[in-house]
Amino acid sequence: MAAASCTVWDSVLELTKSAQVKNCDPQLWAIQLSSNLNSAGVDLPSMELAHLLVSHICFDNHMPITWKFLEKALSFNLVPPLLVLALLSTRVVPNRLHIGCIWNS
């Protein structure tokens, strides 16, 4: 079961990276993602997907389109909004505060 689960998340990451490179419409990405997750039997909203998307944005691909993907995942109820907020608050807010301190110096 763990191998199948790993394959699902690997395919989600590949779909996201491919859509990012192709500058795909975020709504089409969300529809395809939702279909793939439903086919794999993943319960939505998914905490694992929230972790994957936030990690992808914050550590690998801090680009405008990835933020749009996250917004569509939220609007399609693919990820829990409060979990996304909590994950972002520990990764994005501290960096913004640090930048603000530099600008105010």
Protein backbone atom coordinates (compact mmCIF):
# COMPACT_ATOMS: atom_id res chain seq x y z
CA MET A 1 0.00 0.00 0.00
CA ALA A 2 2.84 2.40 0.77
CA ALA A 3 4.30 1.97 -2.73
CA ALA A 4 0.94 2.76 -4.33
CA SER A 5 0.56 5.80 -2.10
CA CYS A 6 4.03 6.99 -3.04
CA THR A 7 3.14 6.60 -6.71
CA VAL A 8 0.07 8.81 -6.27
CA TRP A 9 2.11 11.64 -4.77
CA ASP A 10 4.87 11.23 -7.33
CA SER A 11 2.28 11.57 -10.09
CA VAL A 12 0.82 14.67 -8.39
CA LEU A 13 4.26 16.25 -8.29
CA GLU A 14 4.91 15.34 -11.94
CA LEU A 15 1.53 16.77 -12.99
CA THR A 16 2.29 19.97 -11.09
CA LYS A 17 5.79 20.34 -12.51
CA SER A 18 4.57 19.65 -16.04
CA ALA A 19 1.73 22.16 -15.73
CA GLN A 20 4.18 24.70 -14.35
CA VAL A 21 6.61 24.28 -17.25
CA LYS A 22 3.78 24.45 -19.81
CA ASN A 23 2.21 27.44 -18.02
CA CYS A 24 -1.04 25.46 -17.90
CA ASP A 25 -4.32 27.06 -16.85
CA PRO A 26 -4.54 26.52 -13.07
CA GLN A 27 -8.20 25.54 -13.33
CA LEU A 28 -7.40 22.77 -15.83
CA TRP A 29 -4.58 21.62 -13.54
CA ALA A 30 -6.99 21.47 -10.59
CA ILE A 31 -9.58 19.51 -12.60
CA GLN A 32 -6.95 16.98 -13.73
CA LEU A 33 -5.53 16.75 -10.21
CA SER A 34 -8.96 16.19 -8.71
CA SER A 35 -9.70 13.47 -11.25
CA ASN A 36 -6.37 11.73 -10.57
CA LEU A 37 -6.85 11.86 -6.80
CA ASN A 38 -10.43 10.58 -7.02
CA SER A 39 -9.29 7.72 -9.27
CA ALA A 40 -6.59 6.84 -6.74
CA GLY A 41 -9.14 6.83 -3.91
CA VAL A 42 -7.59 9.75 -2.03
CA ASP A 43 -9.94 11.39 0.48
CA LEU A 44 -10.42 15.09 -0.16
CA PRO A 45 -9.51 17.53 1.18
CA SER A 46 -6.10 15.93 1.54
CA MET A 47 -3.58 16.85 4.21
CA GLU A 48 -0.84 15.08 2.24
CA LEU A 49 -1.61 17.19 -0.83
CA ALA A 50 -1.46 20.37 1.27
CA HIS A 51 1.99 19.42 2.57
CA LEU A 52 3.19 18.50 -0.92
CA LEU A 53 2.00 21.72 -2.57
CA VAL A 54 3.28 24.04 0.15
CA SER A 55 6.65 22.27 0.17
CA HIS A 56 6.81 22.44 -3.62
CA ILE A 57 6.14 26.19 -3.57
CA CYS A 58 8.32 27.13 -0.61
CA PHE A 59 11.35 24.98 -1.28
CA ASP A 60 11.55 24.36 -4.99
CA ASN A 61 9.36 26.61 -7.09
CA HIS A 62 8.52 30.01 -5.70
CA MET A 63 6.83 31.20 -8.91
CA PRO A 64 3.51 33.01 -9.47
CA ILE A 65 1.86 30.08 -11.26
CA THR A 66 2.52 27.70 -8.37
CA TRP A 67 0.68 30.10 -6.06
CA LYS A 68 -2.22 30.04 -8.54
CA PHE A 69 -2.19 26.24 -8.41
CA LEU A 70 -2.41 26.39 -4.62
CA GLU A 71 -5.29 28.87 -4.84
CA LYS A 72 -7.19 26.54 -7.20
CA ALA A 73 -6.51 23.57 -4.92
CA LEU A 74 -8.11 25.60 -2.13
CA SER A 75 -11.10 26.67 -4.22
CA PHE A 76 -11.70 23.10 -5.44
CA ASN A 77 -11.56 21.90 -1.81
CA LEU A 78 -8.62 19.62 -2.56
CA VAL A 79 -6.67 20.83 0.48
CA PRO A 80 -7.80 21.94 3.97
CA PRO A 81 -7.58 25.76 4.08
CA LEU A 82 -6.57 26.04 7.73
CA LEU A 83 -3.78 23.51 7.28
CA VAL A 84 -2.48 25.43 4.26
CA LEU A 85 -2.56 28.63 6.31
CA ALA A 86 -0.70 26.94 9.16
CA LEU A 87 1.93 25.51 6.81
CA LEU A 88 2.43 28.84 5.07
CA SER A 89 2.61 30.74 8.35
CA THR A 90 5.63 28.73 9.42
CA ARG A 91 7.37 29.05 6.05
CA VAL A 92 6.34 32.32 4.43
CA VAL A 93 5.59 34.72 7.28
CA PRO A 94 9.01 34.40 9.00
CA ASN A 95 10.70 35.18 5.66
CA ARG A 96 8.47 38.20 5.07
CA LEU A 97 9.21 39.50 8.57
CA HIS A 98 12.94 39.12 7.96
CA ILE A 99 12.68 41.01 4.65
CA GLY A 100 10.62 43.73 6.36
CA CYS A 101 13.34 44.19 8.97
CA ILE A 102 15.94 44.58 6.23
CA TRP A 103 13.84 47.17 4.38
CA ASN A 104 13.15 49.13 7.56
CA SER A 105 16.86 49.28 8.48
